[in-house]
PDB file of all heavy atoms in Angstrom:
ATOM      1  N   ALA A   1      -8.138   4.186   7.689  1.00  0.00           N
ATOM      2  CA  ALA A   1      -9.383   3.416   7.485  1.00  0.00           C
ATOM      3  C   ALA A   1     -10.532   4.254   7.056  1.00  0.00           C
ATOM      4  O   ALA A   1     -11.219   4.016   6.040  1.00  0.00           O
ATOM      5  CB  ALA A   1      -9.705   2.550   8.739  1.00  0.00           C
ATOM      6  N   PRO A   2     -10.989   5.370   7.785  1.00  0.00           N
ATOM      7  CA  PRO A   2     -12.001   6.229   7.266  1.00  0.00           C
ATOM      8  C   PRO A   2     -11.727   6.946   6.031  1.00  0.00           C
ATOM      9  O   PRO A   2     -12.510   7.310   5.215  1.00  0.00           O
ATOM     10  CB  PRO A   2     -12.286   7.131   8.519  1.00  0.00           C
ATOM     11  CG  PRO A   2     -11.020   7.131   9.246  1.00  0.00           C
ATOM     12  CD  PRO A   2     -10.417   5.806   9.111  1.00  0.00           C
ATOM     13  N   ALA A   3     -10.364   7.284   5.880  1.00  0.00           N
ATOM     14  CA  ALA A   3      -9.928   7.971   4.652  1.00  0.00           C
ATOM     15  C   ALA A   3     -10.183   7.075   3.453  1.00  0.00           C
ATOM     16  O   ALA A   3     -10.581   7.598   2.416  1.00  0.00           O
ATOM     17  CB  ALA A   3      -8.499   8.374   4.757  1.00  0.00           C
ATOM     18  N   GLU A   4     -10.003   5.770   3.535  1.00  0.00           N
ATOM     19  CA  GLU A   4     -10.233   4.895   2.397  1.00  0.00           C
ATOM     20  C   GLU A   4     -11.760   4.902   2.064  1.00  0.00           C
ATOM     21  O   GLU A   4     -12.133   4.896   0.924  1.00  0.00           O
ATOM     22  CB  GLU A   4      -9.773   3.521   2.747  1.00  0.00           C
ATOM     23  CG  GLU A   4      -8.339   3.307   2.796  1.00  0.00           C
ATOM     24  CD  GLU A   4      -7.870   1.936   3.084  1.00  0.00           C
ATOM     25  OE1 GLU A   4      -8.801   1.063   3.362  1.00  0.00           O
ATOM     26  OE2 GLU A   4      -6.644   1.625   3.053  1.00  0.00           O
ATOM     27  N   ARG A   5     -12.613   4.959   3.053  1.00  0.00           N
ATOM     28  CA  ARG A   5     -14.020   5.041   2.802  1.00  0.00           C
ATOM     29  C   ARG A   5     -14.432   6.323   2.098  1.00  0.00           C
ATOM     30  O   ARG A   5     -15.362   6.368   1.204  1.00  0.00           O
ATOM     31  CB  ARG A   5     -14.807   4.788   4.010  1.00  0.00           C
ATOM     32  CG  ARG A   5     -14.652   3.387   4.587  1.00  0.00           C
ATOM     33  CD  ARG A   5     -15.710   3.056   5.694  1.00  0.00           C
ATOM     34  NE  ARG A   5     -15.412   4.000   6.789  1.00  0.00           N
ATOM     35  CZ  ARG A   5     -14.785   3.559   7.859  1.00  0.00           C
ATOM     36  NH1 ARG A   5     -14.203   2.393   7.838  1.00  0.00           N
ATOM     37  NH2 ARG A   5     -14.560   4.356   8.912  1.00  0.00           N
ATOM     38  N   ARG A   6     -13.755   7.386   2.457  1.00  0.00           N
ATOM     39  CA  ARG A   6     -14.141   8.719   1.871  1.00  0.00           C
ATOM     40  C   ARG A   6     -13.497   9.044   0.512  1.00  0.00           C
ATOM     41  O   ARG A   6     -14.096   9.639  -0.320  1.00  0.00           O
ATOM     42  CB  ARG A   6     -13.758   9.841   2.843  1.00  0.00           C
ATOM     43  CG  ARG A   6     -14.484   9.797   4.182  1.00  0.00           C
ATOM     44  CD  ARG A   6     -14.150  11.140   4.865  1.00  0.00           C
ATOM     45  NE  ARG A   6     -12.795  11.397   5.065  1.00  0.00           N
ATOM     46  CZ  ARG A   6     -12.165  11.011   6.216  1.00  0.00           C
ATOM     47  NH1 ARG A   6     -12.752  10.357   7.194  1.00  0.00           N
ATOM     48  NH2 ARG A   6     -10.884  11.291   6.342  1.00  0.00           N
ATOM     49  N   HIS A   7     -12.261   8.517   0.333  1.00  0.00           N
ATOM     50  CA  HIS A   7     -11.571   8.794  -0.899  1.00  0.00           C
ATOM     51  C   HIS A   7     -11.184   7.600  -1.669  1.00  0.00           C
ATOM     52  O   HIS A   7     -10.150   7.625  -2.381  1.00  0.00           O
ATOM     53  CB  HIS A   7     -10.167   9.595  -0.532  1.00  0.00           C
ATOM     54  CG  HIS A   7     -10.526  10.775   0.382  1.00  0.00           C
ATOM     55  ND1 HIS A   7     -11.061  11.943  -0.184  1.00  0.00           N
ATOM     56  CD2 HIS A   7     -10.392  10.991   1.642  1.00  0.00           C
ATOM     57  CE1 HIS A   7     -11.145  12.812   0.817  1.00  0.00           C
ATOM     58  NE2 HIS A   7     -10.759  12.239   1.921  1.00  0.00           N
ATOM     59  N   GLY A   8     -11.944   6.436  -1.590  1.00  0.00           N
ATOM     60  CA  GLY A   8     -11.508   5.285  -2.290  1.00  0.00           C
ATOM     61  C   GLY A   8     -11.558   5.522  -3.781  1.00  0.00           C
ATOM     62  O   GLY A   8     -12.352   6.243  -4.290  1.00  0.00           O
ATOM     63  N   THR A   9     -10.596   4.872  -4.496  1.00  0.00           N
ATOM     64  CA  THR A   9     -10.437   4.998  -5.890  1.00  0.00           C
ATOM     65  C   THR A   9     -10.628   3.699  -6.608  1.00  0.00           C
ATOM     66  O   THR A   9     -10.623   2.630  -5.948  1.00  0.00           O
ATOM     67  CB  THR A   9      -9.110   5.593  -6.280  1.00  0.00           C
ATOM     68  OG1 THR A   9      -8.012   4.677  -5.801  1.00  0.00           O
ATOM     69  CG2 THR A   9      -8.901   6.899  -5.597  1.00  0.00           C
ATOM     70  N   ASP A  10     -10.867   3.737  -7.889  1.00  0.00           N
ATOM     71  CA  ASP A  10     -11.084   2.537  -8.683  1.00  0.00           C
ATOM     72  C   ASP A  10      -9.971   2.353  -9.740  1.00  0.00           C
ATOM     73  O   ASP A  10     -10.131   1.676 -10.718  1.00  0.00           O
ATOM     74  CB  ASP A  10     -12.433   2.583  -9.465  1.00  0.00           C
ATOM     75  CG  ASP A  10     -13.547   2.749  -8.434  1.00  0.00           C
ATOM     76  OD1 ASP A  10     -13.417   2.008  -7.403  1.00  0.00           O
ATOM     77  OD2 ASP A  10     -14.646   3.363  -8.759  1.00  0.00           O
ATOM     78  N   ASP A  11      -8.854   2.973  -9.524  1.00  0.00           N
ATOM     79  CA  ASP A  11      -7.752   2.896 -10.524  1.00  0.00           C
ATOM     80  C   ASP A  11      -6.627   2.087 -10.014  1.00  0.00           C
ATOM     81  O   ASP A  11      -5.473   2.345 -10.516  1.00  0.00           O
ATOM     82  CB  ASP A  11      -7.321   4.384 -10.948  1.00  0.00           C
ATOM     83  CG  ASP A  11      -6.841   5.169  -9.818  1.00  0.00           C
ATOM     84  OD1 ASP A  11      -6.942   4.595  -8.589  1.00  0.00           O
ATOM     85  OD2 ASP A  11      -6.418   6.357  -9.954  1.00  0.00           O
ATOM     86  N   GLY A  12      -6.852   1.252  -9.011  1.00  0.00           N
ATOM     87  CA  GLY A  12      -5.789   0.361  -8.541  1.00  0.00           C
ATOM     88  C   GLY A  12      -4.850   1.055  -7.586  1.00  0.00           C
ATOM     89  O   GLY A  12      -3.788   0.529  -7.245  1.00  0.00           O
ATOM     90  N   ARG A  13      -5.311   2.193  -7.050  1.00  0.00           N
ATOM     91  CA  ARG A  13      -4.490   2.890  -6.018  1.00  0.00           C
ATOM     92  C   ARG A  13      -5.342   2.883  -4.766  1.00  0.00           C
ATOM     93  O   ARG A  13      -6.520   3.035  -4.778  1.00  0.00           O
ATOM     94  CB  ARG A  13      -4.181   4.296  -6.506  1.00  0.00           C
ATOM     95  CG  ARG A  13      -3.265   4.284  -7.699  1.00  0.00           C
ATOM     96  CD  ARG A  13      -2.850   5.698  -8.090  1.00  0.00           C
ATOM     97  NE  ARG A  13      -4.145   6.514  -8.369  1.00  0.00           N
ATOM     98  CZ  ARG A  13      -4.074   7.821  -8.597  1.00  0.00           C
ATOM     99  NH1 ARG A  13      -2.904   8.468  -8.514  1.00  0.00           N
ATOM    100  NH2 ARG A  13      -5.181   8.458  -8.866  1.00  0.00           N
ATOM    101  N   ARG A  14      -4.600   2.880  -3.600  1.00  0.00           N
ATOM    102  CA  ARG A  14      -5.228   2.873  -2.315  1.00  0.00           C
ATOM    103  C   ARG A  14      -4.896   4.171  -1.528  1.00  0.00           C
ATOM    104  O   ARG A  14      -3.702   4.531  -1.544  1.00  0.00           O
ATOM    105  CB  ARG A  14      -4.786   1.650  -1.593  1.00  0.00           C
ATOM    106  CG  ARG A  14      -5.520   1.336  -0.261  1.00  0.00           C
ATOM    107  CD  ARG A  14      -5.078   0.051   0.296  1.00  0.00           C
ATOM    108  NE  ARG A  14      -3.661  -0.091   0.381  1.00  0.00           N
ATOM    109  CZ  ARG A  14      -3.016  -1.212   0.357  1.00  0.00           C
ATOM    110  NH1 ARG A  14      -3.679  -2.368   0.201  1.00  0.00           N
ATOM    111  NH2 ARG A  14      -1.674  -1.243   0.490  1.00  0.00           N
ATOM    112  N   PRO A  15      -5.937   4.858  -1.010  1.00  0.00           N
ATOM    113  CA  PRO A  15      -5.543   6.048  -0.299  1.00  0.00           C
ATOM    114  C   PRO A  15      -4.698   5.815   0.916  1.00  0.00           C
ATOM    115  O   PRO A  15      -4.895   4.733   1.577  1.00  0.00           O
ATOM    116  CB  PRO A  15      -6.955   6.604   0.202  1.00  0.00           C
ATOM    117  CG  PRO A  15      -7.990   5.827  -0.725  1.00  0.00           C
ATOM    118  CD  PRO A  15      -7.299   4.576  -1.033  1.00  0.00           C
ATOM    119  N   ALA A  16      -3.780   6.640   1.155  1.00  0.00           N
ATOM    120  CA  ALA A  16      -2.939   6.607   2.405  1.00  0.00           C
ATOM    121  C   ALA A  16      -2.903   7.944   3.039  1.00  0.00           C
ATOM    122  O   ALA A  16      -3.567   8.820   2.561  1.00  0.00           O
ATOM    123  CB  ALA A  16      -1.558   6.117   2.004  1.00  0.00           C
ATOM    124  N   VAL A  17      -2.161   8.057   4.137  1.00  0.00           N
ATOM    125  CA  VAL A  17      -2.174   9.304   4.946  1.00  0.00           C
ATOM    126  C   VAL A  17      -0.699   9.710   5.042  1.00  0.00           C
ATOM    127  O   VAL A  17       0.226   9.015   5.382  1.00  0.00           O
ATOM    128  CB  VAL A  17      -2.717   9.070   6.374  1.00  0.00           C
ATOM    129  CG1 VAL A  17      -2.596  10.364   7.185  1.00  0.00           C
ATOM    130  CG2 VAL A  17      -4.145   8.665   6.292  1.00  0.00           C
ATOM    131  N   ASP A  18      -0.530  10.947   4.548  1.00  0.00           N
ATOM    132  CA  ASP A  18       0.896  11.508   4.561  1.00  0.00           C
ATOM    133  C   ASP A  18       1.199  12.039   5.960  1.00  0.00           C
ATOM    134  O   ASP A  18       0.497  11.816   6.919  1.00  0.00           O
ATOM    135  CB  ASP A  18       1.025  12.473   3.475  1.00  0.00           C
ATOM    136  CG  ASP A  18       0.108  13.738   3.691  1.00  0.00           C
ATOM    137  OD1 ASP A  18      -0.450  13.771   4.786  1.00  0.00           O
ATOM    138  OD2 ASP A  18      -0.035  14.515   2.803  1.00  0.00           O
ATOM    139  N   GLU A  19       2.379  12.701   5.998  1.00  0.00           N
ATOM    140  CA  GLU A  19       2.858  13.197   7.310  1.00  0.00           C
ATOM    141  C   GLU A  19       1.900  14.141   7.947  1.00  0.00           C
ATOM    142  O   GLU A  19       1.831  14.279   9.184  1.00  0.00           O
ATOM    143  CB  GLU A  19       4.259  13.856   7.175  1.00  0.00           C
ATOM    144  CG  GLU A  19       5.396  12.840   6.733  1.00  0.00           C
ATOM    145  CD  GLU A  19       5.559  11.764   7.662  1.00  0.00           C
ATOM    146  OE1 GLU A  19       5.270  11.962   8.804  1.00  0.00           O
ATOM    147  OE2 GLU A  19       6.024  10.743   7.311  1.00  0.00           O
ATOM    148  N   GLY A  20       1.107  14.815   7.189  1.00  0.00           N
ATOM    149  CA  GLY A  20       0.145  15.788   7.681  1.00  0.00           C
ATOM    150  C   GLY A  20      -1.191  15.243   7.927  1.00  0.00           C
ATOM    151  O   GLY A  20      -2.181  15.888   8.054  1.00  0.00           O
ATOM    152  N   HIS A  21      -1.343  13.855   7.848  1.00  0.00           N
ATOM    153  CA  HIS A  21      -2.553  13.093   8.004  1.00  0.00           C
ATOM    154  C   HIS A  21      -3.537  13.519   6.942  1.00  0.00           C
ATOM    155  O   HIS A  21      -4.823  13.578   7.218  1.00  0.00           O
ATOM    156  CB  HIS A  21      -3.170  13.337   9.418  1.00  0.00           C
ATOM    157  CG  HIS A  21      -2.196  12.920  10.459  1.00  0.00           C
ATOM    158  ND1 HIS A  21      -2.068  11.504  10.804  1.00  0.00           N
ATOM    159  CD2 HIS A  21      -1.309  13.562  11.277  1.00  0.00           C
ATOM    160  CE1 HIS A  21      -1.122  11.422  11.760  1.00  0.00           C
ATOM    161  NE2 HIS A  21      -0.759  12.586  12.044  1.00  0.00           N
ATOM    162  N   ARG A  22      -3.151  13.733   5.734  1.00  0.00           N
ATOM    163  CA  ARG A  22      -4.075  14.052   4.688  1.00  0.00           C
ATOM    164  C   ARG A  22      -4.080  12.867   3.785  1.00  0.00           C
ATOM    165  O   ARG A  22      -3.082  12.286   3.417  1.00  0.00           O
ATOM    166  CB  ARG A  22      -3.643  15.288   3.894  1.00  0.00           C
ATOM    167  CG  ARG A  22      -3.737  16.608   4.721  1.00  0.00           C
ATOM    168  CD  ARG A  22      -3.223  17.775   3.926  1.00  0.00           C
ATOM    169  NE  ARG A  22      -1.791  17.643   3.701  1.00  0.00           N
ATOM    170  CZ  ARG A  22      -1.076  18.471   3.015  1.00  0.00           C
ATOM    171  NH1 ARG A  22      -1.603  19.526   2.572  1.00  0.00           N
ATOM    172  NH2 ARG A  22       0.252  18.273   2.763  1.00  0.00           N
ATOM    173  N   ALA A  23      -5.279  12.478   3.227  1.00  0.00           N
ATOM    174  CA  ALA A  23      -5.401  11.299   2.395  1.00  0.00           C
ATOM    175  C   ALA A  23      -4.765  11.507   1.049  1.00  0.00           C
ATOM    176  O   ALA A  23      -4.928  12.554   0.481  1.00  0.00           O
ATOM    177  CB  ALA A  23      -6.909  10.962   2.237  1.00  0.00           C
ATOM    178  N   ARG A  24      -3.972  10.564   0.684  1.00  0.00           N
ATOM    179  CA  ARG A  24      -3.334  10.699  -0.635  1.00  0.00           C
ATOM    180  C   ARG A  24      -3.194   9.315  -1.187  1.00  0.00           C
ATOM    181  O   ARG A  24      -3.129   8.306  -0.458  1.00  0.00           O
ATOM    182  CB  ARG A  24      -1.874  11.244  -0.538  1.00  0.00           C
ATOM    183  CG  ARG A  24      -0.893  10.436   0.405  1.00  0.00           C
ATOM    184  CD  ARG A  24       0.468  10.942   0.300  1.00  0.00           C
ATOM    185  NE  ARG A  24       1.328  10.286   1.282  1.00  0.00           N
ATOM    186  CZ  ARG A  24       1.935   9.228   1.033  1.00  0.00           C
ATOM    187  NH1 ARG A  24       1.765   8.515  -0.050  1.00  0.00           N
ATOM    188  NH2 ARG A  24       2.704   8.595   1.902  1.00  0.00           N
ATOM    189  N   PRO A  25      -3.272   9.147  -2.509  1.00  0.00           N
ATOM    190  CA  PRO A  25      -3.229   7.736  -3.052  1.00  0.00           C
ATOM    191  C   PRO A  25      -1.857   7.167  -3.011  1.00  0.00           C
ATOM    192  O   PRO A  25      -0.893   7.826  -3.362  1.00  0.00           O
ATOM    193  CB  PRO A  25      -3.734   7.975  -4.532  1.00  0.00           C
ATOM    194  CG  PRO A  25      -3.407   9.394  -4.812  1.00  0.00           C
ATOM    195  CD  PRO A  25      -3.540  10.170  -3.537  1.00  0.00           C
ATOM    196  N   THR A  26      -1.787   5.973  -2.454  1.00  0.00           N
ATOM    197  CA  THR A  26      -0.511   5.201  -2.491  1.00  0.00           C
ATOM    198  C   THR A  26      -0.563   4.103  -3.522  1.00  0.00           C
ATOM    199  O   THR A  26      -1.554   3.336  -3.492  1.00  0.00           O
ATOM    200  CB  THR A  26      -0.297   4.582  -1.070  1.00  0.00           C
ATOM    201  OG1 THR A  26      -0.043   5.680  -0.172  1.00  0.00           O
ATOM    202  CG2 THR A  26       0.954   3.696  -1.130  1.00  0.00           C
ATOM    203  N   PRO A  27       0.312   4.086  -4.495  1.00  0.00           N
ATOM    204  CA  PRO A  27       0.221   2.999  -5.488  1.00  0.00           C
ATOM    205  C   PRO A  27       0.463   1.604  -4.976  1.00  0.00           C
ATOM    206  O   PRO A  27       1.327   1.441  -4.141  1.00  0.00           O
ATOM    207  CB  PRO A  27       1.351   3.408  -6.495  1.00  0.00           C
ATOM    208  CG  PRO A  27       2.308   4.187  -5.704  1.00  0.00           C
ATOM    209  CD  PRO A  27       1.534   4.919  -4.634  1.00  0.00           C
ATOM    210  N   VAL A  28      -0.347   0.677  -5.382  1.00  0.00           N
ATOM    211  CA  VAL A  28      -0.091  -0.687  -5.075  1.00  0.00           C
ATOM    212  C   VAL A  28      -0.010  -1.489  -6.345  1.00  0.00           C
ATOM    213  O   VAL A  28      -0.463  -1.009  -7.425  1.00  0.00           O
ATOM    214  CB  VAL A  28      -1.313  -1.237  -4.226  1.00  0.00           C
ATOM    215  CG1 VAL A  28      -1.362  -0.555  -2.925  1.00  0.00           C
ATOM    216  CG2 VAL A  28      -2.641  -1.107  -5.003  1.00  0.00           C
ATOM    217  N   GLY A  29       0.689  -2.574  -6.329  1.00  0.00           N
ATOM    218  CA  GLY A  29       0.891  -3.279  -7.560  1.00  0.00           C
ATOM    219  C   GLY A  29       1.145  -4.729  -7.259  1.00  0.00           C
ATOM    220  O   GLY A  29       1.027  -5.194  -6.110  1.00  0.00           O
ATOM    221  N   PRO A  30       1.377  -5.476  -8.315  1.00  0.00           N
ATOM    222  CA  PRO A  30       1.616  -6.951  -8.146  1.00  0.00           C
ATOM    223  C   PRO A  30       2.877  -7.258  -7.328  1.00  0.00           C
ATOM    224  O   PRO A  30       3.897  -6.578  -7.590  1.00  0.00           O
ATOM    225  CB  PRO A  30       1.676  -7.510  -9.528  1.00  0.00           C
ATOM    226  CG  PRO A  30       2.075  -6.235 -10.366  1.00  0.00           C
ATOM    227  CD  PRO A  30       1.440  -5.078  -9.693  1.00  0.00           C
ATOM    228  N   VAL A  31       2.804  -8.176  -6.412  1.00  0.00           N
ATOM    229  CA  VAL A  31       3.977  -8.573  -5.592  1.00  0.00           C
ATOM    230  C   VAL A  31       4.025 -10.037  -5.630  1.00  0.00           C
ATOM    231  O   VAL A  31       3.050 -10.839  -5.506  1.00  0.00           O
ATOM    232  CB  VAL A  31       3.670  -8.141  -4.159  1.00  0.00           C
ATOM    233  CG1 VAL A  31       4.880  -8.589  -3.264  1.00  0.00           C
ATOM    234  CG2 VAL A  31       3.443  -6.600  -3.950  1.00  0.00           C
ATOM    235  N   GLU A  32       5.276 -10.536  -5.974  1.00  0.00           N
ATOM    236  CA  GLU A  32       5.574 -11.962  -6.047  1.00  0.00           C
ATOM    237  C   GLU A  32       6.039 -12.478  -4.705  1.00  0.00           C
ATOM    238  O   GLU A  32       7.017 -12.060  -4.114  1.00  0.00           O
ATOM    239  CB  GLU A  32       6.732 -12.158  -7.094  1.00  0.00           C
ATOM    240  CG  GLU A  32       6.606 -13.531  -7.708  1.00  0.00           C
ATOM    241  CD  GLU A  32       7.162 -14.634  -6.863  1.00  0.00           C
ATOM    242  OE1 GLU A  32       8.309 -14.577  -6.490  1.00  0.00           O
ATOM    243  OE2 GLU A  32       6.377 -15.603  -6.524  1.00  0.00           O
ATOM    244  N   LEU A  33       5.135 -13.324  -4.040  1.00  0.00           N
ATOM    245  CA  LEU A  33       5.406 -13.798  -2.701  1.00  0.00           C
ATOM    246  C   LEU A  33       6.723 -14.509  -2.530  1.00  0.00           C
ATOM    247  O   LEU A  33       7.420 -14.522  -1.542  1.00  0.00           O
ATOM    248  CB  LEU A  33       4.178 -14.620  -2.204  1.00  0.00           C
ATOM    249  CG  LEU A  33       2.908 -13.822  -1.945  1.00  0.00           C
ATOM    250  CD1 LEU A  33       1.827 -14.721  -1.472  1.00  0.00           C
ATOM    251  CD2 LEU A  33       3.131 -12.759  -0.853  1.00  0.00           C
ATOM    252  N   GLY A  34       6.968 -15.410  -3.535  1.00  0.00           N
ATOM    253  CA  GLY A  34       8.237 -16.255  -3.423  1.00  0.00           C
ATOM    254  C   GLY A  34       9.490 -15.318  -3.229  1.00  0.00           C
ATOM    255  O   GLY A  34      10.327 -15.594  -2.339  1.00  0.00           O
ATOM    256  N   GLU A  35       9.568 -14.327  -4.067  1.00  0.00           N
ATOM    257  CA  GLU A  35      10.704 -13.424  -3.978  1.00  0.00           C
ATOM    258  C   GLU A  35      10.670 -12.595  -2.663  1.00  0.00           C
ATOM    259  O   GLU A  35      11.849 -12.503  -2.032  1.00  0.00           O
ATOM    260  CB  GLU A  35      10.635 -12.443  -5.149  1.00  0.00           C
ATOM    261  CG  GLU A  35      11.791 -11.467  -5.154  1.00  0.00           C
ATOM    262  CD  GLU A  35      11.704 -10.547  -6.368  1.00  0.00           C
ATOM    263  OE1 GLU A  35      10.880 -10.674  -7.269  1.00  0.00           O
ATOM    264  OE2 GLU A  35      12.535  -9.527  -6.439  1.00  0.00           O
ATOM    265  N   LEU A  36       9.491 -12.220  -2.254  1.00  0.00           N
ATOM    266  CA  LEU A  36       9.360 -11.539  -0.949  1.00  0.00           C
ATOM    267  C   LEU A  36       9.814 -12.386   0.183  1.00  0.00           C
ATOM    268  O   LEU A  36      10.446 -11.947   1.118  1.00  0.00           O
ATOM    269  CB  LEU A  36       8.009 -10.957  -0.865  1.00  0.00           C
ATOM    270  CG  LEU A  36       7.798 -10.039   0.385  1.00  0.00           C
ATOM    271  CD1 LEU A  36       8.639  -8.767   0.286  1.00  0.00           C
ATOM    272  CD2 LEU A  36       6.265  -9.703   0.535  1.00  0.00           C
ATOM    273  N   LEU A  37       9.423 -13.742   0.212  1.00  0.00           N
ATOM    274  CA  LEU A  37       9.756 -14.493   1.303  1.00  0.00           C
ATOM    275  C   LEU A  37      11.188 -14.791   1.284  1.00  0.00           C
ATOM    276  O   LEU A  37      11.828 -14.918   2.385  1.00  0.00           O
ATOM    277  CB  LEU A  37       8.978 -15.843   1.148  1.00  0.00           C
ATOM    278  CG  LEU A  37       7.649 -15.987   1.968  1.00  0.00           C
ATOM    279  CD1 LEU A  37       6.591 -14.923   1.463  1.00  0.00           C
ATOM    280  CD2 LEU A  37       7.107 -17.373   1.849  1.00  0.00           C
ATOM    281  N   ARG A  38      11.893 -15.053   0.094  1.00  0.00           N
ATOM    282  CA  ARG A  38      13.336 -15.204   0.048  1.00  0.00           C
ATOM    283  C   ARG A  38      14.037 -13.953   0.651  1.00  0.00           C
ATOM    284  O   ARG A  38      15.054 -14.058   1.362  1.00  0.00           O
ATOM    285  CB  ARG A  38      13.737 -15.502  -1.291  1.00  0.00           C
ATOM    286  CG  ARG A  38      13.445 -16.950  -1.791  1.00  0.00           C
ATOM    287  CD  ARG A  38      14.033 -17.236  -3.116  1.00  0.00           C
ATOM    288  NE  ARG A  38      13.414 -16.490  -4.171  1.00  0.00           N
ATOM    289  CZ  ARG A  38      12.295 -16.872  -4.906  1.00  0.00           C
ATOM    290  NH1 ARG A  38      11.755 -18.100  -4.629  1.00  0.00           N
ATOM    291  NH2 ARG A  38      11.853 -16.231  -5.838  1.00  0.00           N
ATOM    292  N   GLU A  39      13.584 -12.760   0.362  1.00  0.00           N
ATOM    293  CA  GLU A  39      14.224 -11.607   0.858  1.00  0.00           C
ATOM    294  C   GLU A  39      14.129 -11.527   2.356  1.00  0.00           C
ATOM    295  O   GLU A  39      15.034 -11.239   3.047  1.00  0.00           O
ATOM    296  CB  GLU A  39      13.564 -10.350   0.210  1.00  0.00           C
ATOM    297  CG  GLU A  39      14.044  -8.977   0.777  1.00  0.00           C
ATOM    298  CD  GLU A  39      13.256  -7.862   0.311  1.00  0.00           C
ATOM    299  OE1 GLU A  39      12.415  -7.987  -0.713  1.00  0.00           O
ATOM    300  OE2 GLU A  39      13.409  -6.729   0.887  1.00  0.00           O
ATOM    301  N   VAL A  40      12.904 -11.824   2.837  1.00  0.00           N
ATOM    302  CA  VAL A  40      12.740 -11.775   4.389  1.00  0.00           C
ATOM    303  C   VAL A  40      13.564 -12.859   4.977  1.00  0.00           C
ATOM    304  O   VAL A  40      14.217 -12.681   6.066  1.00  0.00           O
ATOM    305  CB  VAL A  40      11.290 -11.818   4.734  1.00  0.00           C
ATOM    306  CG1 VAL A  40      11.067 -12.005   6.282  1.00  0.00           C
ATOM    307  CG2 VAL A  40      10.492 -10.651   4.190  1.00  0.00           C
ATOM    308  N   ALA A  41      13.512 -14.056   4.483  1.00  0.00           N
ATOM    309  CA  ALA A  41      14.256 -15.173   5.110  1.00  0.00           C
ATOM    310  C   ALA A  41      15.787 -14.962   5.043  1.00  0.00           C
ATOM    311  O   ALA A  41      16.505 -15.431   5.925  1.00  0.00           O
ATOM    312  CB  ALA A  41      13.946 -16.521   4.406  1.00  0.00           C
ATOM    313  N   GLY A  42      16.198 -14.121   4.110  1.00  0.00           N
ATOM    314  CA  GLY A  42      17.644 -13.862   4.021  1.00  0.00           C
ATOM    315  C   GLY A  42      18.182 -13.021   5.068  1.00  0.00           C
ATOM    316  O   GLY A  42      19.362 -12.892   5.293  1.00  0.00           O
ATOM    317  N   ARG A  43      17.314 -12.376   5.851  1.00  0.00           N
ATOM    318  CA  ARG A  43      17.740 -11.440   6.951  1.00  0.00           C
ATOM    319  C   ARG A  43      18.128 -12.379   8.141  1.00  0.00           C
ATOM    320  O   ARG A  43      18.766 -11.818   9.129  1.00  0.00           O
ATOM    321  CB  ARG A  43      16.584 -10.559   7.335  1.00  0.00           C
ATOM    322  CG  ARG A  43      16.144  -9.588   6.242  1.00  0.00           C
ATOM    323  CD  ARG A  43      15.151  -8.633   6.822  1.00  0.00           C
ATOM    324  NE  ARG A  43      14.677  -7.638   5.876  1.00  0.00           N
ATOM    325  CZ  ARG A  43      13.853  -6.727   6.186  1.00  0.00           C
ATOM    326  NH1 ARG A  43      13.412  -6.538   7.385  1.00  0.00           N
ATOM    327  NH2 ARG A  43      13.483  -5.710   5.196  1.00  0.00           N
ATOM    328  N   TYR A  44      17.664 -13.567   8.268  1.00  0.00           N
ATOM    329  CA  TYR A  44      17.836 -14.412   9.449  1.00  0.00           C
ATOM    330  C   TYR A  44      18.669 -15.610   9.107  1.00  0.00           C
ATOM    331  O   TYR A  44      18.632 -16.173   8.013  1.00  0.00           O
ATOM    332  CB  TYR A  44      16.488 -14.791  10.026  1.00  0.00           C
ATOM    333  CG  TYR A  44      15.586 -13.667  10.260  1.00  0.00           C
ATOM    334  CD1 TYR A  44      14.613 -13.264   9.249  1.00  0.00           C
ATOM    335  CD2 TYR A  44      15.662 -12.858  11.424  1.00  0.00           C
ATOM    336  CE1 TYR A  44      13.856 -12.241   9.484  1.00  0.00           C
ATOM    337  CE2 TYR A  44      14.850 -11.781  11.565  1.00  0.00           C
ATOM    338  CZ  TYR A  44      13.881 -11.446  10.668  1.00  0.00           C
ATOM    339  OH  TYR A  44      13.050 -10.374  10.820  1.00  0.00           O
TER     340      TYR A  44
END
């Protein structure tokens, strides 16, 4: 949460924290909810 405020980017990537707790950009992208719901429902 504080890393996002310090290292926020404007290129569609969101800062994350790696194993050493250092801020690094994690890519985010478009997600289709219908497909994701079918995948999760298929587990049960």
